[in-house]
């Protein structure tokens, strides 16, 4: 087993969200929402259906405009930051007219990297992921798990400061989901990259994360931040530990309290 990953101090804030507001159809989703996210952690976002989990990371990452508010990455604006994003629907996320290898190259080409630099970076990713399938095939010729793996490699290609993942394993079968969870841990161990993950699976959210953000019904607030400090790499044995059982049970209680709470009109 690999040595446990040493994490940076929790006080090191990486992402700062201040005064975020968002409405849909005249109804508030987020009102004056503020949040600090630490550097070098895997952070999961979990909450009731319709509370805006994906919308939150989409606003932070700049994919969806906020009505008001400010987001900073190490004090920098979105324009001056380098972010990666892994979408839930890998079939729509990949360019079907580009081979898998060209999908991975794309963000590097967009950034104006030199061809030699691009090939060096892609080769390093392929070696790191121990790819056993032909990347010169088109996405529609690959399995769902292979397509999502290509999506993750593409997101990592430009060496982002933060990686956002929106329910990245929800469309995969269980065997591939387990493989991808372990691969995500390997990426984290190798890079210490700040990751923000939306999950609809509480077990997955706790298992992968150093911290779980539990959201309320809309208008959405932060119900609680729950830490899970189990050593890495985490394995099937982690699921049976007293601390995992305790943290999962507590998160479930907070979640159920929010589900039972009457939604605001």
C-alpha atoms as a PDB file:
ATOM      1  CA  UNK A   1       0.000   0.000   0.000  1.00  0.00           C
ATOM      2  CA  UNK A   2       1.238   3.492  -0.795  1.00  0.00           C
ATOM      3  CA  UNK A   3       2.126   5.879   1.985  1.00  0.00           C
ATOM      4  CA  UNK A   4      -0.646   8.135   3.202  1.00  0.00           C
ATOM      5  CA  UNK A   5      -0.890  11.447   1.370  1.00  0.00           C
ATOM      6  CA  UNK A   6       0.232  14.489   3.358  1.00  0.00           C
ATOM      7  CA  UNK A   7      -2.296  17.274   2.976  1.00  0.00           C
ATOM      8  CA  UNK A   8      -1.571  21.005   3.237  1.00  0.00           C
ATOM      9  CA  UNK A   9      -2.853  22.944   6.204  1.00  0.00           C
ATOM     10  CA  UNK A  10      -6.647  23.306   6.184  1.00  0.00           C
ATOM     11  CA  UNK A  11      -6.308  27.064   6.716  1.00  0.00           C
ATOM     12  CA  UNK A  12      -4.902  27.509   3.193  1.00  0.00           C
ATOM     13  CA  UNK A  13      -7.921  28.832   1.294  1.00  0.00           C
ATOM     14  CA  UNK A  14      -7.893  28.223  -2.439  1.00  0.00           C
ATOM     15  CA  UNK A  15     -11.378  29.231  -3.643  1.00  0.00           C
ATOM     16  CA  UNK A  16     -13.258  32.207  -2.196  1.00  0.00           C
ATOM     17  CA  UNK A  17     -16.950  32.733  -2.991  1.00  0.00           C
ATOM     18  CA  UNK A  18     -18.586  35.944  -1.770  1.00  0.00           C
ATOM     19  CA  UNK A  19     -22.167  37.198  -2.042  1.00  0.00           C
ATOM     20  CA  UNK A  20     -23.280  34.741  -4.710  1.00  0.00           C
ATOM     21  CA  UNK A  21     -26.872  35.260  -5.905  1.00  0.00           C
ATOM     22  CA  UNK A  22     -28.806  33.304  -8.504  1.00  0.00           C
ATOM     23  CA  UNK A  23     -32.480  33.191  -9.468  1.00  0.00           C
ATOM     24  CA  UNK A  24     -34.356  30.880 -11.808  1.00  0.00           C
ATOM     25  CA  UNK A  25     -37.811  31.893 -13.025  1.00  0.00           C
ATOM     26  CA  UNK A  26     -37.954  34.675 -10.452  1.00  0.00           C
ATOM     27  CA  UNK A  27     -37.390  32.263  -7.547  1.00  0.00           C
ATOM     28  CA  UNK A  28     -34.151  32.519  -5.536  1.00  0.00           C
ATOM     29  CA  UNK A  29     -31.749  29.592  -5.706  1.00  0.00           C
ATOM     30  CA  UNK A  30     -28.781  31.180  -3.916  1.00  0.00           C
ATOM     31  CA  UNK A  31     -28.992  34.377  -1.863  1.00  0.00           C
ATOM     32  CA  UNK A  32     -25.840  36.101  -0.590  1.00  0.00           C
ATOM     33  CA  UNK A  33     -24.043  32.747  -0.498  1.00  0.00           C
ATOM     34  CA  UNK A  34     -20.408  32.774   0.640  1.00  0.00           C
ATOM     35  CA  UNK A  35     -17.908  29.954   0.951  1.00  0.00           C
ATOM     36  CA  UNK A  36     -14.179  29.292   1.400  1.00  0.00           C
ATOM     37  CA  UNK A  37     -12.740  26.081  -0.021  1.00  0.00           C
ATOM     38  CA  UNK A  38      -9.317  24.811   1.075  1.00  0.00           C
ATOM     39  CA  UNK A  39      -6.377  24.021  -1.149  1.00  0.00           C
ATOM     40  CA  UNK A  40      -5.343  20.475  -1.909  1.00  0.00           C
ATOM     41  CA  UNK A  41      -8.513  18.741  -0.787  1.00  0.00           C
ATOM     42  CA  UNK A  42     -11.190  16.642  -2.447  1.00  0.00           C
ATOM     43  CA  UNK A  43     -14.450  18.376  -1.543  1.00  0.00           C
ATOM     44  CA  UNK A  44     -17.845  16.836  -2.274  1.00  0.00           C
ATOM     45  CA  UNK A  45     -21.095  18.761  -2.680  1.00  0.00           C
ATOM     46  CA  UNK A  46     -24.182  16.853  -1.563  1.00  0.00           C
ATOM     47  CA  UNK A  47     -27.799  17.870  -0.948  1.00  0.00           C
ATOM     48  CA  UNK A  48     -31.482  17.426  -1.844  1.00  0.00           C
ATOM     49  CA  UNK A  49     -32.642  17.252  -5.448  1.00  0.00           C
ATOM     50  CA  UNK A  50     -33.070  20.687  -6.951  1.00  0.00           C
ATOM     51  CA  UNK A  51     -30.890  22.493  -4.414  1.00  0.00           C
ATOM     52  CA  UNK A  52     -28.427  23.560  -7.122  1.00  0.00           C
ATOM     53  CA  UNK A  53     -25.379  21.356  -6.548  1.00  0.00           C
ATOM     54  CA  UNK A  54     -24.302  21.361 -10.182  1.00  0.00           C
ATOM     55  CA  UNK A  55     -25.333  24.983 -10.579  1.00  0.00           C
ATOM     56  CA  UNK A  56     -23.013  25.914  -7.711  1.00  0.00           C
ATOM     57  CA  UNK A  57     -19.895  24.418  -9.266  1.00  0.00           C
ATOM     58  CA  UNK A  58     -20.963  25.679 -12.684  1.00  0.00           C
ATOM     59  CA  UNK A  59     -21.096  29.229 -11.328  1.00  0.00           C
ATOM     60  CA  UNK A  60     -17.794  28.880  -9.485  1.00  0.00           C
ATOM     61  CA  UNK A  61     -16.125  27.519 -12.623  1.00  0.00           C
ATOM     62  CA  UNK A  62     -17.671  30.177 -14.861  1.00  0.00           C
ATOM     63  CA  UNK A  63     -19.884  27.880 -16.941  1.00  0.00           C
ATOM     64  CA  UNK A  64     -23.087  29.493 -15.652  1.00  0.00           C
ATOM     65  CA  UNK A  65     -23.282  33.234 -14.922  1.00  0.00           C
ATOM     66  CA  UNK A  66     -24.207  34.332 -11.417  1.00  0.00           C
ATOM     67  CA  UNK A  67     -26.626  37.213 -10.942  1.00  0.00           C
ATOM     68  CA  UNK A  68     -24.326  38.819  -8.369  1.00  0.00           C
ATOM     69  CA  UNK A  69     -21.258  37.786  -6.462  1.00  0.00           C
ATOM     70  CA  UNK A  70     -17.541  37.223  -6.773  1.00  0.00           C
ATOM     71  CA  UNK A  71     -15.306  34.166  -7.037  1.00  0.00           C
ATOM     72  CA  UNK A  72     -11.532  34.214  -6.603  1.00  0.00           C
ATOM     73  CA  UNK A  73      -8.895  31.533  -6.967  1.00  0.00           C
ATOM     74  CA  UNK A  74      -5.904  32.415  -4.796  1.00  0.00           C
ATOM     75  CA  UNK A  75      -7.136  35.979  -5.111  1.00  0.00           C
ATOM     76  CA  UNK A  76      -7.180  35.742  -8.921  1.00  0.00           C
ATOM     77  CA  UNK A  77     -10.168  36.144 -11.193  1.00  0.00           C
ATOM     78  CA  UNK A  78     -11.551  33.311 -13.283  1.00  0.00           C
ATOM     79  CA  UNK A  79      -9.898  34.799 -16.379  1.00  0.00           C
ATOM     80  CA  UNK A  80      -6.476  34.515 -14.745  1.00  0.00           C
ATOM     81  CA  UNK A  81      -7.007  30.977 -13.405  1.00  0.00           C
ATOM     82  CA  UNK A  82      -6.662  27.585 -15.038  1.00  0.00           C
ATOM     83  CA  UNK A  83      -9.549  25.194 -14.318  1.00  0.00           C
ATOM     84  CA  UNK A  84     -10.514  21.713 -15.452  1.00  0.00           C
ATOM     85  CA  UNK A  85     -14.034  20.308 -15.684  1.00  0.00           C
ATOM     86  CA  UNK A  86     -15.328  16.749 -16.038  1.00  0.00           C
ATOM     87  CA  UNK A  87     -18.958  16.554 -17.133  1.00  0.00           C
ATOM     88  CA  UNK A  88     -21.531  13.956 -16.167  1.00  0.00           C
ATOM     89  CA  UNK A  89     -22.539  13.305 -19.766  1.00  0.00           C
ATOM     90  CA  UNK A  90     -19.259  12.256 -21.373  1.00  0.00           C
ATOM     91  CA  UNK A  91     -21.033  11.426 -24.651  1.00  0.00           C
ATOM     92  CA  UNK A  92     -21.921  15.070 -25.191  1.00  0.00           C
ATOM     93  CA  UNK A  93     -18.710  16.432 -23.653  1.00  0.00           C
ATOM     94  CA  UNK A  94     -16.308  14.824 -26.135  1.00  0.00           C
ATOM     95  CA  UNK A  95     -16.041  16.039 -29.717  1.00  0.00           C
ATOM     96  CA  UNK A  96     -17.376  13.107 -31.783  1.00  0.00           C
ATOM     97  CA  UNK A  97     -15.497  14.199 -34.916  1.00  0.00           C
ATOM     98  CA  UNK A  98     -12.137  14.111 -33.106  1.00  0.00           C
ATOM     99  CA  UNK A  99     -10.284  10.950 -32.166  1.00  0.00           C
ATOM    100  CA  UNK A 100      -9.833  10.344 -28.448  1.00  0.00           C
ATOM    101  CA  UNK A 101      -6.181  11.417 -28.589  1.00  0.00           C
ATOM    102  CA  UNK A 102      -7.173  14.662 -30.345  1.00  0.00           C
ATOM    103  CA  UNK A 103      -9.829  15.356 -27.705  1.00  0.00           C
ATOM    104  CA  UNK A 104      -7.064  15.150 -25.090  1.00  0.00           C
ATOM    105  CA  UNK A 105      -4.781  17.404 -27.139  1.00  0.00           C
ATOM    106  CA  UNK A 106      -7.490  19.998 -27.754  1.00  0.00           C
ATOM    107  CA  UNK A 107      -7.129  22.226 -24.633  1.00  0.00           C
ATOM    108  CA  UNK A 108      -3.360  22.292 -25.120  1.00  0.00           C
ATOM    109  CA  UNK A 109      -3.763  23.358 -28.733  1.00  0.00           C
ATOM    110  CA  UNK A 110      -6.304  25.972 -27.641  1.00  0.00           C
ATOM    111  CA  UNK A 111      -3.742  27.350 -25.183  1.00  0.00           C
ATOM    112  CA  UNK A 112      -1.201  27.690 -27.975  1.00  0.00           C
ATOM    113  CA  UNK A 113       1.226  25.077 -26.706  1.00  0.00           C
ATOM    114  CA  UNK A 114       3.962  23.979 -29.074  1.00  0.00           C
ATOM    115  CA  UNK A 115       3.471  20.581 -30.778  1.00  0.00           C
ATOM    116  CA  UNK A 116       6.433  19.040 -28.954  1.00  0.00           C
ATOM    117  CA  UNK A 117       5.079  20.203 -25.588  1.00  0.00           C
ATOM    118  CA  UNK A 118       1.652  18.816 -26.438  1.00  0.00           C
ATOM    119  CA  UNK A 119       3.019  15.393 -27.334  1.00  0.00           C
ATOM    120  CA  UNK A 120       5.160  15.268 -24.179  1.00  0.00           C
ATOM    121  CA  UNK A 121       2.199  16.140 -21.973  1.00  0.00           C
ATOM    122  CA  UNK A 122      -0.158  13.674 -23.677  1.00  0.00           C
ATOM    123  CA  UNK A 123       2.432  10.900 -23.475  1.00  0.00           C
ATOM    124  CA  UNK A 124       2.824  11.549 -19.742  1.00  0.00           C
ATOM    125  CA  UNK A 125      -0.933  11.338 -19.230  1.00  0.00           C
ATOM    126  CA  UNK A 126      -1.214   8.120 -21.221  1.00  0.00           C
ATOM    127  CA  UNK A 127       1.578   6.564 -19.158  1.00  0.00           C
ATOM    128  CA  UNK A 128       0.093   7.772 -15.892  1.00  0.00           C
ATOM    129  CA  UNK A 129      -3.343   6.350 -16.680  1.00  0.00           C
ATOM    130  CA  UNK A 130      -1.895   3.089 -18.026  1.00  0.00           C
ATOM    131  CA  UNK A 131      -4.216   3.283 -21.021  1.00  0.00           C
ATOM    132  CA  UNK A 132      -4.905  -0.126 -22.508  1.00  0.00           C
ATOM    133  CA  UNK A 133      -7.190   0.883 -25.381  1.00  0.00           C
ATOM    134  CA  UNK A 134      -6.597   2.605 -28.700  1.00  0.00           C
ATOM    135  CA  UNK A 135      -6.753   6.386 -28.313  1.00  0.00           C
ATOM    136  CA  UNK A 136      -6.802   6.782 -32.089  1.00  0.00           C
ATOM    137  CA  UNK A 137     -10.410   5.601 -32.148  1.00  0.00           C
ATOM    138  CA  UNK A 138     -13.366   7.990 -32.118  1.00  0.00           C
ATOM    139  CA  UNK A 139     -15.401   8.440 -28.916  1.00  0.00           C
ATOM    140  CA  UNK A 140     -18.393   6.495 -30.263  1.00  0.00           C
ATOM    141  CA  UNK A 141     -16.090   3.504 -30.726  1.00  0.00           C
ATOM    142  CA  UNK A 142     -15.191   3.458 -27.014  1.00  0.00           C
ATOM    143  CA  UNK A 143     -17.092   2.179 -23.986  1.00  0.00           C
ATOM    144  CA  UNK A 144     -18.677   4.628 -21.556  1.00  0.00           C
ATOM    145  CA  UNK A 145     -15.891   4.143 -19.036  1.00  0.00           C
ATOM    146  CA  UNK A 146     -13.241   4.690 -21.693  1.00  0.00           C
ATOM    147  CA  UNK A 147     -14.970   7.877 -22.856  1.00  0.00           C
ATOM    148  CA  UNK A 148     -15.104   9.236 -19.308  1.00  0.00           C
ATOM    149  CA  UNK A 149     -11.442   8.369 -18.835  1.00  0.00           C
ATOM    150  CA  UNK A 150     -10.652  10.387 -21.955  1.00  0.00           C
ATOM    151  CA  UNK A 151     -12.744  13.260 -20.540  1.00  0.00           C
ATOM    152  CA  UNK A 152     -10.737  13.230 -17.313  1.00  0.00           C
ATOM    153  CA  UNK A 153      -7.443  13.140 -19.219  1.00  0.00           C
ATOM    154  CA  UNK A 154      -8.570  16.082 -21.347  1.00  0.00           C
ATOM    155  CA  UNK A 155      -9.499  18.056 -18.227  1.00  0.00           C
ATOM    156  CA  UNK A 156      -6.094  17.321 -16.680  1.00  0.00           C
ATOM    157  CA  UNK A 157      -4.059  17.967 -19.825  1.00  0.00           C
ATOM    158  CA  UNK A 158      -3.487  21.713 -19.235  1.00  0.00           C
ATOM    159  CA  UNK A 159      -2.502  21.034 -15.579  1.00  0.00           C
ATOM    160  CA  UNK A 160      -5.371  22.954 -13.960  1.00  0.00           C
ATOM    161  CA  UNK A 161      -5.279  24.538 -10.525  1.00  0.00           C
ATOM    162  CA  UNK A 162      -8.735  23.146  -9.682  1.00  0.00           C
ATOM    163  CA  UNK A 163     -10.623  20.173 -11.121  1.00  0.00           C
ATOM    164  CA  UNK A 164     -14.428  20.287 -11.048  1.00  0.00           C
ATOM    165  CA  UNK A 165     -16.346  17.021 -11.479  1.00  0.00           C
ATOM    166  CA  UNK A 166     -20.125  16.955 -11.948  1.00  0.00           C
ATOM    167  CA  UNK A 167     -21.406  13.474 -11.008  1.00  0.00           C
ATOM    168  CA  UNK A 168     -18.650  11.991 -13.188  1.00  0.00           C
ATOM    169  CA  UNK A 169     -19.410   8.332 -12.455  1.00  0.00           C
ATOM    170  CA  UNK A 170     -23.215   8.330 -12.360  1.00  0.00           C
ATOM    171  CA  UNK A 171     -23.609   6.962 -15.903  1.00  0.00           C
ATOM    172  CA  UNK A 172     -21.022   4.192 -15.467  1.00  0.00           C
ATOM    173  CA  UNK A 173     -21.545   0.594 -14.413  1.00  0.00           C
ATOM    174  CA  UNK A 174     -20.452  -0.415 -10.915  1.00  0.00           C
ATOM    175  CA  UNK A 175     -17.204  -2.094 -11.958  1.00  0.00           C
ATOM    176  CA  UNK A 176     -16.083   0.962 -13.906  1.00  0.00           C
ATOM    177  CA  UNK A 177     -17.239   3.266 -11.105  1.00  0.00           C
ATOM    178  CA  UNK A 178     -14.975   1.472  -8.631  1.00  0.00           C
ATOM    179  CA  UNK A 179     -12.067   1.697 -11.075  1.00  0.00           C
ATOM    180  CA  UNK A 180     -12.639   5.419 -11.645  1.00  0.00           C
ATOM    181  CA  UNK A 181     -12.850   6.143  -7.907  1.00  0.00           C
ATOM    182  CA  UNK A 182      -9.447   4.560  -7.424  1.00  0.00           C
ATOM    183  CA  UNK A 183      -8.050   6.398 -10.438  1.00  0.00           C
ATOM    184  CA  UNK A 184      -9.265   9.702  -8.997  1.00  0.00           C
ATOM    185  CA  UNK A 185      -7.457   8.934  -5.751  1.00  0.00           C
ATOM    186  CA  UNK A 186      -4.274   8.164  -7.688  1.00  0.00           C
ATOM    187  CA  UNK A 187      -4.529  11.522  -9.488  1.00  0.00           C
ATOM    188  CA  UNK A 188      -4.969  13.278  -6.171  1.00  0.00           C
ATOM    189  CA  UNK A 189      -2.021  11.431  -4.613  1.00  0.00           C
ATOM    190  CA  UNK A 190       0.210  12.353  -7.550  1.00  0.00           C
ATOM    191  CA  UNK A 191      -0.832  15.998  -7.889  1.00  0.00           C
ATOM    192  CA  UNK A 192      -2.445  17.258  -4.660  1.00  0.00           C
ATOM    193  CA  UNK A 193      -4.911  18.983  -6.981  1.00  0.00           C
ATOM    194  CA  UNK A 194      -7.884  20.770  -5.429  1.00  0.00           C
ATOM    195  CA  UNK A 195     -10.988  18.878  -6.563  1.00  0.00           C
ATOM    196  CA  UNK A 196     -14.646  19.827  -6.174  1.00  0.00           C
ATOM    197  CA  UNK A 197     -17.001  16.927  -6.809  1.00  0.00           C
ATOM    198  CA  UNK A 198     -20.795  16.866  -7.115  1.00  0.00           C
ATOM    199  CA  UNK A 199     -22.185  13.456  -6.185  1.00  0.00           C
ATOM    200  CA  UNK A 200     -25.656  11.995  -5.720  1.00  0.00           C
ATOM    201  CA  UNK A 201     -24.150   8.985  -3.923  1.00  0.00           C
ATOM    202  CA  UNK A 202     -23.515   9.673  -0.227  1.00  0.00           C
ATOM    203  CA  UNK A 203     -21.178   6.701   0.191  1.00  0.00           C
ATOM    204  CA  UNK A 204     -19.085   7.922  -2.727  1.00  0.00           C
ATOM    205  CA  UNK A 205     -19.096  11.504  -1.441  1.00  0.00           C
ATOM    206  CA  UNK A 206     -17.768  10.475   1.965  1.00  0.00           C
ATOM    207  CA  UNK A 207     -15.361   7.826   0.674  1.00  0.00           C
ATOM    208  CA  UNK A 208     -13.591  10.124  -1.784  1.00  0.00           C
ATOM    209  CA  UNK A 209     -13.620  13.359   0.160  1.00  0.00           C
ATOM    210  CA  UNK A 210     -11.702  15.179   2.828  1.00  0.00           C
ATOM    211  CA  UNK A 211     -14.753  17.369   3.362  1.00  0.00           C
ATOM    212  CA  UNK A 212     -18.433  17.070   2.468  1.00  0.00           C
ATOM    213  CA  UNK A 213     -20.496  20.228   1.912  1.00  0.00           C
ATOM    214  CA  UNK A 214     -24.107  19.485   2.842  1.00  0.00           C
ATOM    215  CA  UNK A 215     -26.564  21.880   1.228  1.00  0.00           C
ATOM    216  CA  UNK A 216     -30.099  22.798   2.259  1.00  0.00           C
ATOM    217  CA  UNK A 217     -33.268  23.043   0.236  1.00  0.00           C
ATOM    218  CA  UNK A 218     -33.613  26.205  -1.824  1.00  0.00           C
ATOM    219  CA  UNK A 219     -32.992  29.028  -1.290  1.00  0.00           C
ATOM    220  CA  UNK A 220     -29.812  27.070  -0.770  1.00  0.00           C
ATOM    221  CA  UNK A 221     -27.514  27.535   2.179  1.00  0.00           C
ATOM    222  CA  UNK A 222     -24.696  25.484   3.627  1.00  0.00           C
ATOM    223  CA  UNK A 223     -26.291  23.176   6.201  1.00  0.00           C
ATOM    224  CA  UNK A 224     -22.995  21.795   7.468  1.00  0.00           C
ATOM    225  CA  UNK A 225     -19.390  21.084   6.530  1.00  0.00           C
ATOM    226  CA  UNK A 226     -18.336  17.602   7.567  1.00  0.00           C
ATOM    227  CA  UNK A 227     -14.702  16.480   7.595  1.00  0.00           C
ATOM    228  CA  UNK A 228     -13.550  12.932   6.874  1.00  0.00           C
ATOM    229  CA  UNK A 229      -9.886  12.503   7.734  1.00  0.00           C
ATOM    230  CA  UNK A 230      -9.313   8.833   6.897  1.00  0.00           C
ATOM    231  CA  UNK A 231      -5.802   8.175   5.542  1.00  0.00           C
ATOM    232  CA  UNK A 232      -5.222   7.641   1.853  1.00  0.00           C
ATOM    233  CA  UNK A 233      -5.242   5.592  -0.222  1.00  0.00           C
ATOM    234  CA  UNK A 234      -8.734   4.554   0.825  1.00  0.00           C
ATOM    235  CA  UNK A 235      -9.872   1.020   0.104  1.00  0.00           C
ATOM    236  CA  UNK A 236     -12.907  -1.211   0.579  1.00  0.00           C
ATOM    237  CA  UNK A 237     -11.756  -1.624   4.183  1.00  0.00           C
ATOM    238  CA  UNK A 238     -12.328   2.128   4.702  1.00  0.00           C
ATOM    239  CA  UNK A 239     -16.067   1.574   4.264  1.00  0.00           C
ATOM    240  CA  UNK A 240     -16.152  -0.662   7.342  1.00  0.00           C
ATOM    241  CA  UNK A 241     -14.270   1.664   9.706  1.00  0.00           C
ATOM    242  CA  UNK A 242     -16.079   3.226  12.653  1.00  0.00           C
ATOM    243  CA  UNK A 243     -15.210   6.722  11.439  1.00  0.00           C
ATOM    244  CA  UNK A 244     -16.641   6.145   7.956  1.00  0.00           C
ATOM    245  CA  UNK A 245     -19.853   4.689   9.393  1.00  0.00           C
ATOM    246  CA  UNK A 246     -20.149   7.594  11.837  1.00  0.00           C
ATOM    247  CA  UNK A 247     -19.543  10.314   9.236  1.00  0.00           C
ATOM    248  CA  UNK A 248     -21.891   8.747   6.686  1.00  0.00           C
ATOM    249  CA  UNK A 249     -24.634   8.359   9.316  1.00  0.00           C
ATOM    250  CA  UNK A 250     -24.251  11.990  10.386  1.00  0.00           C
ATOM    251  CA  UNK A 251     -24.376  13.249   6.790  1.00  0.00           C
ATOM    252  CA  UNK A 252     -27.462  11.123   6.174  1.00  0.00           C
ATOM    253  CA  UNK A 253     -29.172  12.614   9.211  1.00  0.00           C
ATOM    254  CA  UNK A 254     -28.464  16.169   8.063  1.00  0.00           C
ATOM    255  CA  UNK A 255     -29.654  15.294   4.554  1.00  0.00           C
ATOM    256  CA  UNK A 256     -32.887  13.673   5.764  1.00  0.00           C
ATOM    257  CA  UNK A 257     -33.654  16.665   7.971  1.00  0.00           C
ATOM    258  CA  UNK A 258     -33.371  18.893   4.912  1.00  0.00           C
ATOM    259  CA  UNK A 259     -35.501  16.598   2.742  1.00  0.00           C
ATOM    260  CA  UNK A 260     -38.250  16.663   5.389  1.00  0.00           C
ATOM    261  CA  UNK A 261     -38.077  20.421   5.767  1.00  0.00           C
ATOM    262  CA  UNK A 262     -40.784  22.253   3.860  1.00  0.00           C
ATOM    263  CA  UNK A 263     -39.387  23.974   0.816  1.00  0.00           C
ATOM    264  CA  UNK A 264     -39.701  27.733   0.691  1.00  0.00           C
ATOM    265  CA  UNK A 265     -42.608  28.931  -1.478  1.00  0.00           C
END
